[in-house]
Amino acid sequence: MQPSISFTITTGIISLTVLSSWYAFNKPNILKRFMMNPYRIEKHHEYYRFITSGLIHANFSHLLWNMLSLYFFGAVVEQYFSYIFKSLGPYFLVIFYILAVIVSDLPTYFKNRHNPGYNSLGASGGVAAIIFASIIFQPLEKICFYLVFCVPGFILATGYLMWSYYNGRKSNDNINHDAHLYGALFGFLFCAVLHPSSIPNFIEQISEWRFF
């Protein structure tokens, strides 16, 4: 079976991110040049950082988690985008992902644009948007940890938002946890606006869910 165009695009995004991150891991100058630094964007108009910061990661585990999430949840979003937007589905996927990376960093930019010491990196905003786009389409689909502990997507989504908010308040690890939160909200709203029927379908599905 030949791989679909959208699948190829997803693996292309993953490949580009893995290669960029791997190249930058032990190159402080590259990390410094590509990181999200709101101060330099404000003072030196280095707007490219909105995108390049999503192509690098803090460490291998950070990269692995984001790319595995993108791979598995991206497959769901690809299928729905292809169904909703037909032949334009792959293009919507690319636009959606790039916008998610940028939009998820905007609150951080406005909050820290006068702080020269603030830096962050990672594709977390785009990945969070992908995860939440898949959850709005399939809120009851179970997501498993270590193949044992499984919970419906919409419950995981609630916990994810709470975790992101908490870590965003205290974090100093160069990982933009706020981007998780805003990326998730963007993913949800993007699908709600471009495919309004996804909201009543989402509500209908979770209203039928029972704990036992």
N, C-alpha and C. Protein backbone atom coordinates (compact mmCIF):
# COMPACT_ATOMS: atom_id res chain seq x y z
N MET A 1 0.85 -1.20 0.00
CA MET A 1 0.00 0.00 0.00
C MET A 1 0.89 1.25 0.00
N GLN A 2 0.58 2.18 -0.88
CA GLN A 2 1.36 3.41 -0.95
C GLN A 2 0.95 4.35 0.17
N PRO A 3 1.91 5.03 0.85
CA PRO A 3 1.56 5.96 1.91
C PRO A 3 0.84 7.17 1.35
N SER A 4 -0.10 7.71 2.12
CA SER A 4 -0.85 8.88 1.67
C SER A 4 0.02 10.11 1.71
N ILE A 5 -0.42 11.16 0.99
CA ILE A 5 0.35 12.40 0.96
C ILE A 5 0.45 13.00 2.35
N SER A 6 -0.69 13.00 3.09
CA SER A 6 -0.69 13.63 4.40
C SER A 6 0.24 12.90 5.36
N PHE A 7 0.30 11.55 5.25
CA PHE A 7 1.21 10.79 6.10
C PHE A 7 2.65 11.17 5.79
N THR A 8 2.94 11.34 4.52
CA THR A 8 4.28 11.74 4.12
C THR A 8 4.61 13.12 4.65
N ILE A 9 3.65 14.02 4.65
CA ILE A 9 3.88 15.35 5.19
C ILE A 9 4.17 15.28 6.69
N THR A 10 3.42 14.47 7.40
CA THR A 10 3.64 14.34 8.83
C THR A 10 5.03 13.79 9.12
N THR A 11 5.39 12.72 8.44
CA THR A 11 6.73 12.17 8.66
C THR A 11 7.81 13.15 8.20
N GLY A 12 7.48 13.98 7.21
CA GLY A 12 8.42 15.01 6.79
C GLY A 12 8.67 16.04 7.89
N ILE A 13 7.58 16.45 8.55
CA ILE A 13 7.71 17.39 9.68
C ILE A 13 8.53 16.76 10.80
N ILE A 14 8.24 15.49 11.07
CA ILE A 14 8.99 14.79 12.12
C ILE A 14 10.46 14.68 11.75
N SER A 15 10.73 14.31 10.52
CA SER A 15 12.12 14.15 10.07
C SER A 15 12.89 15.46 10.17
N LEU A 16 12.26 16.55 9.72
CA LEU A 16 12.91 17.86 9.78
C LEU A 16 13.20 18.26 11.21
N THR A 17 12.25 18.00 12.10
CA THR A 17 12.41 18.38 13.51
C THR A 17 13.49 17.54 14.17
N VAL A 18 13.49 16.24 13.88
CA VAL A 18 14.51 15.35 14.48
C VAL A 18 15.90 15.75 14.01
N LEU A 19 16.06 15.98 12.73
CA LEU A 19 17.37 16.35 12.19
C LEU A 19 17.85 17.69 12.76
N SER A 20 16.95 18.67 12.83
CA SER A 20 17.32 19.99 13.35
C SER A 20 17.70 19.90 14.82
N SER A 21 16.90 19.16 15.59
CA SER A 21 17.17 19.03 17.02
C SER A 21 18.47 18.29 17.27
N TRP A 22 18.65 17.20 16.54
CA TRP A 22 19.87 16.40 16.70
C TRP A 22 21.11 17.23 16.38
N TYR A 23 21.02 18.00 15.32
CA TYR A 23 22.15 18.84 14.92
C TYR A 23 22.48 19.89 15.98
N ALA A 24 21.45 20.39 16.64
CA ALA A 24 21.65 21.51 17.58
C ALA A 24 21.93 21.08 19.01
N PHE A 25 21.78 19.77 19.32
CA PHE A 25 21.91 19.30 20.70
C PHE A 25 23.17 19.80 21.39
N ASN A 26 24.30 19.66 20.77
CA ASN A 26 25.57 20.03 21.39
C ASN A 26 26.22 21.24 20.72
N LYS A 27 25.36 22.11 20.16
CA LYS A 27 25.86 23.31 19.51
C LYS A 27 25.16 24.53 20.12
N PRO A 28 25.72 25.05 21.20
CA PRO A 28 25.10 26.17 21.91
C PRO A 28 24.81 27.37 21.02
N ASN A 29 25.66 27.61 20.03
CA ASN A 29 25.44 28.76 19.15
C ASN A 29 24.17 28.60 18.31
N ILE A 30 23.92 27.37 17.86
CA ILE A 30 22.71 27.11 17.07
C ILE A 30 21.48 27.24 17.96
N LEU A 31 21.55 26.65 19.15
CA LEU A 31 20.44 26.75 20.09
C LEU A 31 20.12 28.21 20.40
N LYS A 32 21.16 28.98 20.66
CA LYS A 32 20.98 30.38 20.99
C LYS A 32 20.35 31.15 19.84
N ARG A 33 20.72 30.81 18.61
CA ARG A 33 20.22 31.52 17.44
C ARG A 33 18.77 31.14 17.11
N PHE A 34 18.40 29.88 17.41
CA PHE A 34 17.07 29.38 17.04
C PHE A 34 16.03 29.48 18.13
N MET A 35 16.44 29.64 19.39
CA MET A 35 15.49 29.64 20.50
C MET A 35 14.47 30.77 20.42
N MET A 36 13.34 30.53 21.08
CA MET A 36 12.36 31.59 21.26
C MET A 36 12.91 32.56 22.30
N ASN A 37 13.32 33.73 21.84
CA ASN A 37 13.79 34.78 22.72
C ASN A 37 12.98 36.04 22.40
N PRO A 38 11.90 36.28 23.13
CA PRO A 38 11.00 37.40 22.83
C PRO A 38 11.70 38.75 22.78
N TYR A 39 12.72 38.93 23.60
CA TYR A 39 13.44 40.20 23.62
C TYR A 39 14.12 40.47 22.29
N ARG A 40 14.80 39.47 21.73
CA ARG A 40 15.48 39.65 20.45
C ARG A 40 14.48 39.81 19.30
N ILE A 41 13.34 39.16 19.42
CA ILE A 41 12.30 39.37 18.41
C ILE A 41 11.82 40.81 18.44
N GLU A 42 11.62 41.32 19.64
CA GLU A 42 11.14 42.69 19.81
C GLU A 42 12.17 43.72 19.37
N LYS A 43 13.42 43.53 19.79
CA LYS A 43 14.46 44.54 19.54
C LYS A 43 15.13 44.39 18.18
N HIS A 44 15.26 43.18 17.71
CA HIS A 44 16.00 42.93 16.47
C HIS A 44 15.14 42.34 15.35
N HIS A 45 13.85 42.23 15.60
CA HIS A 45 12.89 41.75 14.59
C HIS A 45 13.28 40.37 14.03
N GLU A 46 13.72 39.48 14.91
CA GLU A 46 14.10 38.14 14.49
C GLU A 46 12.86 37.23 14.55
N TYR A 47 11.91 37.51 13.68
CA TYR A 47 10.63 36.81 13.71
C TYR A 47 10.75 35.33 13.35
N TYR A 48 11.83 34.95 12.69
CA TYR A 48 12.02 33.55 12.32
C TYR A 48 12.03 32.64 13.54
N ARG A 49 12.33 33.22 14.72
CA ARG A 49 12.42 32.41 15.94
C ARG A 49 11.08 31.77 16.30
N PHE A 50 9.98 32.36 15.86
CA PHE A 50 8.67 31.77 16.13
C PHE A 50 8.58 30.36 15.54
N ILE A 51 9.27 30.15 14.41
CA ILE A 51 9.24 28.85 13.75
C ILE A 51 10.45 28.00 14.14
N THR A 52 11.65 28.59 14.13
CA THR A 52 12.84 27.78 14.41
C THR A 52 12.86 27.23 15.83
N SER A 53 12.23 27.92 16.76
CA SER A 53 12.20 27.40 18.14
C SER A 53 11.41 26.10 18.22
N GLY A 54 10.53 25.87 17.24
CA GLY A 54 9.78 24.62 17.20
C GLY A 54 10.52 23.49 16.53
N LEU A 55 11.71 23.77 16.01
CA LEU A 55 12.51 22.75 15.34
C LEU A 55 13.63 22.21 16.20
N ILE A 56 13.78 22.73 17.42
CA ILE A 56 14.84 22.28 18.31
C ILE A 56 14.24 21.90 19.67
N HIS A 57 14.97 21.06 20.41
CA HIS A 57 14.46 20.56 21.68
C HIS A 57 15.55 20.57 22.74
N ALA A 58 15.12 20.51 24.01
CA ALA A 58 16.05 20.63 25.12
C ALA A 58 16.94 19.39 25.26
N ASN A 59 16.38 18.22 25.00
CA ASN A 59 17.13 16.97 25.15
C ASN A 59 16.42 15.87 24.36
N PHE A 60 17.00 14.68 24.39
CA PHE A 60 16.45 13.58 23.59
C PHE A 60 15.06 13.16 24.06
N SER A 61 14.84 13.11 25.38
CA SER A 61 13.54 12.69 25.88
C SER A 61 12.45 13.68 25.50
N HIS A 62 12.78 14.97 25.53
CA HIS A 62 11.85 16.03 25.12
C HIS A 62 11.48 15.84 23.65
N LEU A 63 12.48 15.58 22.83
CA LEU A 63 12.27 15.35 21.39
C LEU A 63 11.45 14.08 21.15
N LEU A 64 11.82 13.00 21.84
CA LEU A 64 11.15 11.72 21.62
C LEU A 64 9.66 11.80 21.97
N TRP A 65 9.36 12.40 23.10
CA TRP A 65 7.96 12.50 23.52
C TRP A 65 7.14 13.30 22.51
N ASN A 66 7.68 14.44 22.07
CA ASN A 66 6.94 15.27 21.12
C ASN A 66 6.74 14.57 19.78
N MET A 67 7.78 13.91 19.28
CA MET A 67 7.68 13.30 17.97
C MET A 67 6.80 12.04 17.97
N LEU A 68 6.84 11.27 19.05
CA LEU A 68 5.95 10.12 19.14
C LEU A 68 4.49 10.58 19.20
N SER A 69 4.25 11.64 19.96
CA SER A 69 2.89 12.18 20.05
C SER A 69 2.43 12.69 18.70
N LEU A 70 3.33 13.38 17.99
CA LEU A 70 2.98 13.90 16.68
C LEU A 70 2.69 12.76 15.70
N TYR A 71 3.46 11.70 15.79
CA TYR A 71 3.28 10.57 14.87
C TYR A 71 1.92 9.90 15.07
N PHE A 72 1.58 9.58 16.30
CA PHE A 72 0.35 8.82 16.56
C PHE A 72 -0.90 9.69 16.45
N PHE A 73 -0.89 10.86 17.04
CA PHE A 73 -2.08 11.71 16.99
C PHE A 73 -2.21 12.37 15.62
N GLY A 74 -1.08 12.62 14.97
CA GLY A 74 -1.12 13.22 13.65
C GLY A 74 -1.85 12.35 12.65
N ALA A 75 -1.74 11.03 12.81
CA ALA A 75 -2.43 10.11 11.89
C ALA A 75 -3.94 10.31 11.95
N VAL A 76 -4.45 10.55 13.16
CA VAL A 76 -5.89 10.77 13.33
C VAL A 76 -6.31 12.07 12.65
N VAL A 77 -5.56 13.13 12.92
CA VAL A 77 -5.89 14.44 12.35
C VAL A 77 -5.81 14.40 10.83
N GLU A 78 -4.82 13.69 10.30
CA GLU A 78 -4.68 13.55 8.84
C GLU A 78 -5.93 12.95 8.22
N GLN A 79 -6.42 11.90 8.83
CA GLN A 79 -7.60 11.23 8.30
C GLN A 79 -8.81 12.15 8.28
N TYR A 80 -9.00 12.87 9.38
CA TYR A 80 -10.16 13.76 9.45
C TYR A 80 -10.01 14.96 8.53
N PHE A 81 -8.82 15.52 8.43
CA PHE A 81 -8.61 16.65 7.53
C PHE A 81 -8.82 16.23 6.08
N SER A 82 -8.37 15.03 5.74
CA SER A 82 -8.56 14.54 4.37
C SER A 82 -10.05 14.33 4.08
N TYR A 83 -10.78 13.89 5.09
CA TYR A 83 -12.22 13.68 4.93
C TYR A 83 -12.96 15.02 4.82
N ILE A 84 -12.58 15.99 5.66
CA ILE A 84 -13.28 17.28 5.72
C ILE A 84 -12.90 18.18 4.55
N PHE A 85 -11.59 18.27 4.28
CA PHE A 85 -11.10 19.23 3.28
C PHE A 85 -10.73 18.58 1.95
N LYS A 86 -10.95 17.28 1.85
CA LYS A 86 -10.70 16.55 0.61
C LYS A 86 -9.23 16.68 0.19
N SER A 87 -9.00 17.06 -1.06
CA SER A 87 -7.63 17.12 -1.56
C SER A 87 -6.79 18.21 -0.91
N LEU A 88 -7.46 19.17 -0.26
CA LEU A 88 -6.73 20.24 0.43
C LEU A 88 -6.30 19.84 1.83
N GLY A 89 -6.68 18.65 2.27
CA GLY A 89 -6.37 18.20 3.61
C GLY A 89 -4.90 18.30 3.99
N PRO A 90 -3.97 17.81 3.14
CA PRO A 90 -2.56 17.91 3.48
C PRO A 90 -2.07 19.34 3.67
N TYR A 91 -2.60 20.27 2.86
CA TYR A 91 -2.18 21.67 2.97
C TYR A 91 -2.72 22.29 4.26
N PHE A 92 -3.95 21.92 4.61
CA PHE A 92 -4.51 22.39 5.87
C PHE A 92 -3.70 21.87 7.06
N LEU A 93 -3.20 20.65 6.94
CA LEU A 93 -2.39 20.07 8.00
C LEU A 93 -1.12 20.88 8.21
N VAL A 94 -0.45 21.23 7.12
CA VAL A 94 0.79 22.02 7.22
C VAL A 94 0.50 23.40 7.80
N ILE A 95 -0.53 24.07 7.27
CA ILE A 95 -0.89 25.40 7.76
C ILE A 95 -1.27 25.34 9.23
N PHE A 96 -2.07 24.35 9.58
CA PHE A 96 -2.51 24.17 10.96
C PHE A 96 -1.31 24.02 11.90
N TYR A 97 -0.36 23.18 11.54
CA TYR A 97 0.79 22.92 12.41
C TYR A 97 1.67 24.16 12.57
N ILE A 98 1.97 24.83 11.46
CA ILE A 98 2.82 26.02 11.53
C ILE A 98 2.14 27.12 12.34
N LEU A 99 0.86 27.34 12.09
CA LEU A 99 0.13 28.35 12.86
C LEU A 99 0.10 28.01 14.34
N ALA A 100 -0.05 26.74 14.65
CA ALA A 100 -0.08 26.32 16.05
C ALA A 100 1.24 26.63 16.75
N VAL A 101 2.35 26.36 16.07
CA VAL A 101 3.67 26.65 16.65
C VAL A 101 3.82 28.14 16.91
N ILE A 102 3.36 28.95 15.97
CA ILE A 102 3.49 30.41 16.11
C ILE A 102 2.53 30.96 17.16
N VAL A 103 1.25 30.63 17.02
CA VAL A 103 0.22 31.18 17.91
C VAL A 103 0.47 30.78 19.36
N SER A 104 0.92 29.56 19.58
CA SER A 104 1.15 29.10 20.95
C SER A 104 2.27 29.87 21.64
N ASP A 105 3.14 30.51 20.85
CA ASP A 105 4.24 31.30 21.42
C ASP A 105 3.90 32.77 21.59
N LEU A 106 2.80 33.22 21.01
CA LEU A 106 2.47 34.65 21.07
C LEU A 106 2.26 35.16 22.50
N PRO A 107 1.52 34.45 23.37
CA PRO A 107 1.38 34.95 24.74
C PRO A 107 2.72 35.07 25.46
N THR A 108 3.61 34.09 25.21
CA THR A 108 4.94 34.14 25.82
C THR A 108 5.73 35.32 25.29
N TYR A 109 5.59 35.59 24.00
CA TYR A 109 6.28 36.73 23.40
C TYR A 109 5.84 38.03 24.06
N PHE A 110 4.55 38.26 24.17
CA PHE A 110 4.06 39.51 24.75
C PHE A 110 4.40 39.62 26.23
N LYS A 111 4.44 38.49 26.90
CA LYS A 111 4.75 38.49 28.34
C LYS A 111 6.22 38.76 28.61
N ASN A 112 7.11 38.30 27.72
CA ASN A 112 8.55 38.36 28.01
C ASN A 112 9.35 39.19 27.00
N ARG A 113 8.68 40.01 26.22
CA ARG A 113 9.42 40.73 25.17
C ARG A 113 10.39 41.77 25.72
N HIS A 114 10.30 42.10 27.00
CA HIS A 114 11.25 43.03 27.62
C HIS A 114 12.19 42.32 28.57
N ASN A 115 12.22 41.00 28.50
CA ASN A 115 13.07 40.19 29.37
C ASN A 115 14.14 39.51 28.53
N PRO A 116 15.36 40.05 28.47
CA PRO A 116 16.41 39.47 27.62
C PRO A 116 16.86 38.09 28.06
N GLY A 117 16.58 37.71 29.29
CA GLY A 117 17.04 36.43 29.80
C GLY A 117 16.11 35.26 29.55
N TYR A 118 14.94 35.53 28.95
CA TYR A 118 13.98 34.45 28.73
C TYR A 118 14.27 33.72 27.42
N ASN A 119 14.33 32.38 27.48
CA ASN A 119 14.48 31.54 26.30
C ASN A 119 13.60 30.30 26.45
N SER A 120 13.11 29.79 25.33
CA SER A 120 12.38 28.52 25.36
C SER A 120 12.54 27.85 24.01
N LEU A 121 12.20 26.57 23.95
CA LEU A 121 12.34 25.83 22.71
C LEU A 121 11.44 24.61 22.74
N GLY A 122 11.22 24.03 21.56
CA GLY A 122 10.42 22.83 21.46
C GLY A 122 9.19 22.99 20.59
N ALA A 123 8.70 21.87 20.07
CA ALA A 123 7.52 21.86 19.20
C ALA A 123 6.24 21.61 19.98
N SER A 124 6.29 21.84 21.28
CA SER A 124 5.17 21.47 22.14
C SER A 124 3.86 22.13 21.75
N GLY A 125 3.90 23.39 21.32
CA GLY A 125 2.67 24.07 20.93
C GLY A 125 2.00 23.41 19.75
N GLY A 126 2.78 23.07 18.73
CA GLY A 126 2.22 22.41 17.56
C GLY A 126 1.73 21.01 17.89
N VAL A 127 2.49 20.29 18.70
CA VAL A 127 2.10 18.93 19.08
C VAL A 127 0.83 18.95 19.92
N ALA A 128 0.75 19.89 20.86
CA ALA A 128 -0.46 20.00 21.69
C ALA A 128 -1.68 20.28 20.83
N ALA A 129 -1.51 21.11 19.81
CA ALA A 129 -2.62 21.41 18.90
C ALA A 129 -3.07 20.15 18.16
N ILE A 130 -2.11 19.34 17.72
CA ILE A 130 -2.43 18.09 17.05
C ILE A 130 -3.20 17.15 17.99
N ILE A 131 -2.71 17.04 19.23
CA ILE A 131 -3.36 16.15 20.20
C ILE A 131 -4.80 16.58 20.44
N PHE A 132 -5.02 17.88 20.62
CA PHE A 132 -6.37 18.34 20.94
C PHE A 132 -7.28 18.34 19.72
N ALA A 133 -6.71 18.48 18.54
CA ALA A 133 -7.53 18.33 17.34
C ALA A 133 -8.04 16.91 17.23
N SER A 134 -7.18 15.94 17.56
CA SER A 134 -7.61 14.55 17.50
C SER A 134 -8.65 14.25 18.58
N ILE A 135 -8.51 14.91 19.74
CA ILE A 135 -9.46 14.67 20.83
C ILE A 135 -10.83 15.26 20.51
N ILE A 136 -10.88 16.39 19.82
CA ILE A 136 -12.20 16.95 19.49
C ILE A 136 -12.93 16.05 18.50
N PHE A 137 -12.19 15.32 17.67
CA PHE A 137 -12.81 14.39 16.73
C PHE A 137 -13.15 13.06 17.39
N GLN A 138 -12.27 12.62 18.29
CA GLN A 138 -12.46 11.32 18.93
C GLN A 138 -12.25 11.44 20.45
N PRO A 139 -13.16 12.11 21.16
CA PRO A 139 -12.95 12.36 22.59
C PRO A 139 -12.96 11.12 23.46
N LEU A 140 -13.59 10.05 23.00
CA LEU A 140 -13.68 8.83 23.81
C LEU A 140 -12.60 7.81 23.47
N GLU A 141 -11.80 8.11 22.45
CA GLU A 141 -10.71 7.21 22.09
C GLU A 141 -9.74 7.12 23.27
N LYS A 142 -9.43 5.92 23.71
CA LYS A 142 -8.59 5.76 24.89
C LYS A 142 -7.12 5.96 24.55
N ILE A 143 -6.45 6.67 25.44
CA ILE A 143 -5.03 6.92 25.32
C ILE A 143 -4.35 6.18 26.46
N CYS A 144 -3.39 5.33 26.11
CA CYS A 144 -2.80 4.44 27.10
C CYS A 144 -1.37 4.84 27.46
N PHE A 145 -1.03 4.66 28.72
CA PHE A 145 0.33 4.86 29.21
C PHE A 145 0.92 3.50 29.55
N TYR A 146 2.05 3.19 28.92
CA TYR A 146 2.74 1.93 29.16
C TYR A 146 1.83 0.72 28.87
N LEU A 147 0.86 0.94 27.96
CA LEU A 147 -0.04 -0.12 27.50
C LEU A 147 -0.90 -0.71 28.61
N VAL A 148 -0.97 -0.02 29.74
CA VAL A 148 -1.73 -0.53 30.88
C VAL A 148 -2.80 0.45 31.33
N PHE A 149 -2.38 1.67 31.67
CA PHE A 149 -3.30 2.67 32.19
C PHE A 149 -3.88 3.47 31.04
N CYS A 150 -5.19 3.28 30.79
CA CYS A 150 -5.83 3.92 29.65
C CYS A 150 -6.97 4.82 30.11
N VAL A 151 -7.08 6.00 29.52
CA VAL A 151 -8.15 6.93 29.84
C VAL A 151 -8.69 7.54 28.55
N PRO A 152 -9.98 7.92 28.53
CA PRO A 152 -10.53 8.59 27.35
C PRO A 152 -9.80 9.91 27.09
N GLY A 153 -9.71 10.27 25.83
CA GLY A 153 -8.96 11.46 25.44
C GLY A 153 -9.41 12.74 26.13
N PHE A 154 -10.73 12.91 26.30
CA PHE A 154 -11.19 14.18 26.86
C PHE A 154 -10.81 14.32 28.33
N ILE A 155 -10.67 13.20 29.05
CA ILE A 155 -10.22 13.26 30.44
C ILE A 155 -8.74 13.59 30.48
N LEU A 156 -7.97 12.96 29.60
CA LEU A 156 -6.55 13.29 29.50
C LEU A 156 -6.38 14.76 29.16
N ALA A 157 -7.22 15.28 28.28
CA ALA A 157 -7.13 16.68 27.86
C ALA A 157 -7.30 17.61 29.05
N THR A 158 -8.25 17.31 29.92
CA THR A 158 -8.47 18.14 31.11
C THR A 158 -7.24 18.12 32.01
N GLY A 159 -6.71 16.95 32.25
CA GLY A 159 -5.51 16.84 33.09
C GLY A 159 -4.31 17.52 32.45
N TYR A 160 -4.23 17.42 31.13
CA TYR A 160 -3.11 18.03 30.39
C TYR A 160 -3.11 19.54 30.55
N LEU A 161 -4.29 20.15 30.44
CA LEU A 161 -4.40 21.60 30.59
C LEU A 161 -4.00 22.03 32.00
N MET A 162 -4.43 21.29 33.01
CA MET A 162 -4.10 21.61 34.39
C MET A 162 -2.60 21.47 34.63
N TRP A 163 -2.02 20.39 34.10
CA TRP A 163 -0.58 20.16 34.25
C TRP A 163 0.23 21.27 33.57
N SER A 164 -0.19 21.65 32.36
CA SER A 164 0.51 22.69 31.62
C SER A 164 0.44 24.04 32.34
N TYR A 165 -0.72 24.34 32.87
CA TYR A 165 -0.89 25.61 33.60
C TYR A 165 0.02 25.64 34.83
N TYR A 166 0.04 24.53 35.57
CA TYR A 166 0.85 24.45 36.79
C TYR A 166 2.33 24.58 36.47
N ASN A 167 2.81 23.82 35.50
CA ASN A 167 4.23 23.86 35.15
C ASN A 167 4.62 25.19 34.52
N GLY A 168 3.70 25.81 33.83
CA GLY A 168 3.99 27.12 33.24
C GLY A 168 4.24 28.18 34.28
N ARG A 169 3.65 28.00 35.46
CA ARG A 169 3.81 28.98 36.53
C ARG A 169 5.16 28.85 37.24
N LYS A 170 5.74 27.63 37.25
CA LYS A 170 6.94 27.42 38.06
C LYS A 170 8.17 27.00 37.27
N SER A 171 8.00 26.73 35.97
CA SER A 171 9.07 26.11 35.20
C SER A 171 10.24 27.06 34.94
N ASN A 172 11.46 26.47 34.95
CA ASN A 172 12.66 27.22 34.55
C ASN A 172 13.59 26.31 33.74
N ASP A 173 12.98 25.41 32.92
CA ASP A 173 13.75 24.40 32.20
C ASP A 173 13.89 24.69 30.71
N ASN A 174 13.55 25.92 30.29
CA ASN A 174 13.61 26.33 28.88
C ASN A 174 12.56 25.65 28.01
N ILE A 175 11.68 24.88 28.62
CA ILE A 175 10.56 24.29 27.89
C ILE A 175 9.35 25.18 28.12
N ASN A 176 8.75 25.63 27.05
CA ASN A 176 7.64 26.57 27.15
C ASN A 176 6.34 25.83 27.46
N HIS A 177 6.09 25.61 28.75
CA HIS A 177 4.89 24.87 29.14
C HIS A 177 3.62 25.66 28.82
N ASP A 178 3.71 26.99 28.79
CA ASP A 178 2.55 27.79 28.40
C ASP A 178 2.14 27.47 26.97
N ALA A 179 3.12 27.12 26.12
CA ALA A 179 2.81 26.78 24.73
C ALA A 179 1.96 25.53 24.65
N HIS A 180 2.12 24.61 25.62
CA HIS A 180 1.25 23.43 25.66
C HIS A 180 -0.20 23.87 25.79
N LEU A 181 -0.41 24.78 26.72
CA LEU A 181 -1.76 25.25 27.01
C LEU A 181 -2.37 25.98 25.82
N TYR A 182 -1.65 26.95 25.29
CA TYR A 182 -2.19 27.74 24.19
C TYR A 182 -2.25 26.96 22.88
N GLY A 183 -1.31 26.04 22.69
CA GLY A 183 -1.38 25.18 21.51
C GLY A 183 -2.60 24.28 21.56
N ALA A 184 -2.89 23.75 22.75
CA ALA A 184 -4.07 22.90 22.91
C ALA A 184 -5.35 23.67 22.60
N LEU A 185 -5.44 24.87 23.14
CA LEU A 185 -6.63 25.70 22.90
C LEU A 185 -6.75 26.06 21.42
N PHE A 186 -5.62 26.35 20.78
CA PHE A 186 -5.64 26.67 19.35
C PHE A 186 -6.14 25.48 18.53
N GLY A 187 -5.64 24.28 18.86
CA GLY A 187 -6.06 23.08 18.13
C GLY A 187 -7.55 22.86 18.23
N PHE A 188 -8.09 23.06 19.41
CA PHE A 188 -9.52 22.89 19.64
C PHE A 188 -10.31 23.93 18.85
N LEU A 189 -9.90 25.20 18.94
CA LEU A 189 -10.64 26.28 18.29
C LEU A 189 -10.52 26.22 16.77
N PHE A 190 -9.35 25.84 16.27
CA PHE A 190 -9.15 25.73 14.82
C PHE A 190 -10.17 24.78 14.21
N CYS A 191 -10.30 23.62 14.83
CA CYS A 191 -11.25 22.62 14.32
C CYS A 191 -12.69 23.08 14.51
N ALA A 192 -12.97 23.76 15.62
CA ALA A 192 -14.33 24.23 15.89
C ALA A 192 -14.77 25.28 14.88
N VAL A 193 -13.83 26.15 14.48
CA VAL A 193 -14.16 27.22 13.54
C VAL A 193 -14.28 26.70 12.12
N LEU A 194 -13.34 25.88 11.69
CA LEU A 194 -13.34 25.40 10.31
C LEU A 194 -14.29 24.22 10.08
N HIS A 195 -14.65 23.56 11.16
CA HIS A 195 -15.59 22.43 11.03
C HIS A 195 -16.54 22.49 12.22
N PRO A 196 -17.50 23.44 12.21
CA PRO A 196 -18.37 23.70 13.37
C PRO A 196 -19.11 22.47 13.89
N SER A 197 -19.43 21.53 13.04
CA SER A 197 -20.17 20.35 13.51
C SER A 197 -19.34 19.49 14.46
N SER A 198 -18.03 19.75 14.52
CA SER A 198 -17.19 18.96 15.42
C SER A 198 -17.55 19.22 16.88
N ILE A 199 -18.07 20.42 17.19
CA ILE A 199 -18.43 20.74 18.57
C ILE A 199 -19.64 19.94 19.05
N PRO A 200 -20.78 19.98 18.35
CA PRO A 200 -21.90 19.15 18.81
C PRO A 200 -21.58 17.67 18.81
N ASN A 201 -20.76 17.22 17.86
CA ASN A 201 -20.36 15.81 17.85
C ASN A 201 -19.52 15.48 19.08
N PHE A 202 -18.65 16.41 19.44
CA PHE A 202 -17.80 16.24 20.63
C PHE A 202 -18.67 16.15 21.88
N ILE A 203 -19.61 17.09 22.02
CA ILE A 203 -20.49 17.12 23.19
C ILE A 203 -21.35 15.86 23.26
N GLU A 204 -21.86 15.45 22.11
CA GLU A 204 -22.71 14.25 22.08
C GLU A 204 -21.94 13.01 22.53
N GLN A 205 -20.70 12.91 22.08
CA GLN A 205 -19.91 11.73 22.43
C GLN A 205 -19.59 11.69 23.93
N ILE A 206 -19.15 12.82 24.49
CA ILE A 206 -18.78 12.78 25.91
C ILE A 206 -20.02 12.67 26.80
N SER A 207 -21.18 13.13 26.31
CA SER A 207 -22.40 13.01 27.11
C SER A 207 -22.84 11.55 27.24
N GLU A 208 -22.39 10.72 26.31
CA GLU A 208 -22.74 9.31 26.34
C GLU A 208 -21.74 8.47 27.12
N TRP A 209 -20.66 9.10 27.57
CA TRP A 209 -19.62 8.35 28.27
C TRP A 209 -20.04 8.03 29.69
N ARG A 210 -19.75 6.83 30.14
CA ARG A 210 -20.02 6.41 31.50
C ARG A 210 -18.74 5.85 32.11
N PHE A 211 -18.53 6.18 33.37
CA PHE A 211 -17.31 5.73 34.05
C PHE A 211 -17.29 4.21 34.16
N PHE A 212 -18.45 3.62 34.40
CA PHE A 212 -18.55 2.16 34.52
C PHE A 212 -19.48 1.63 33.42
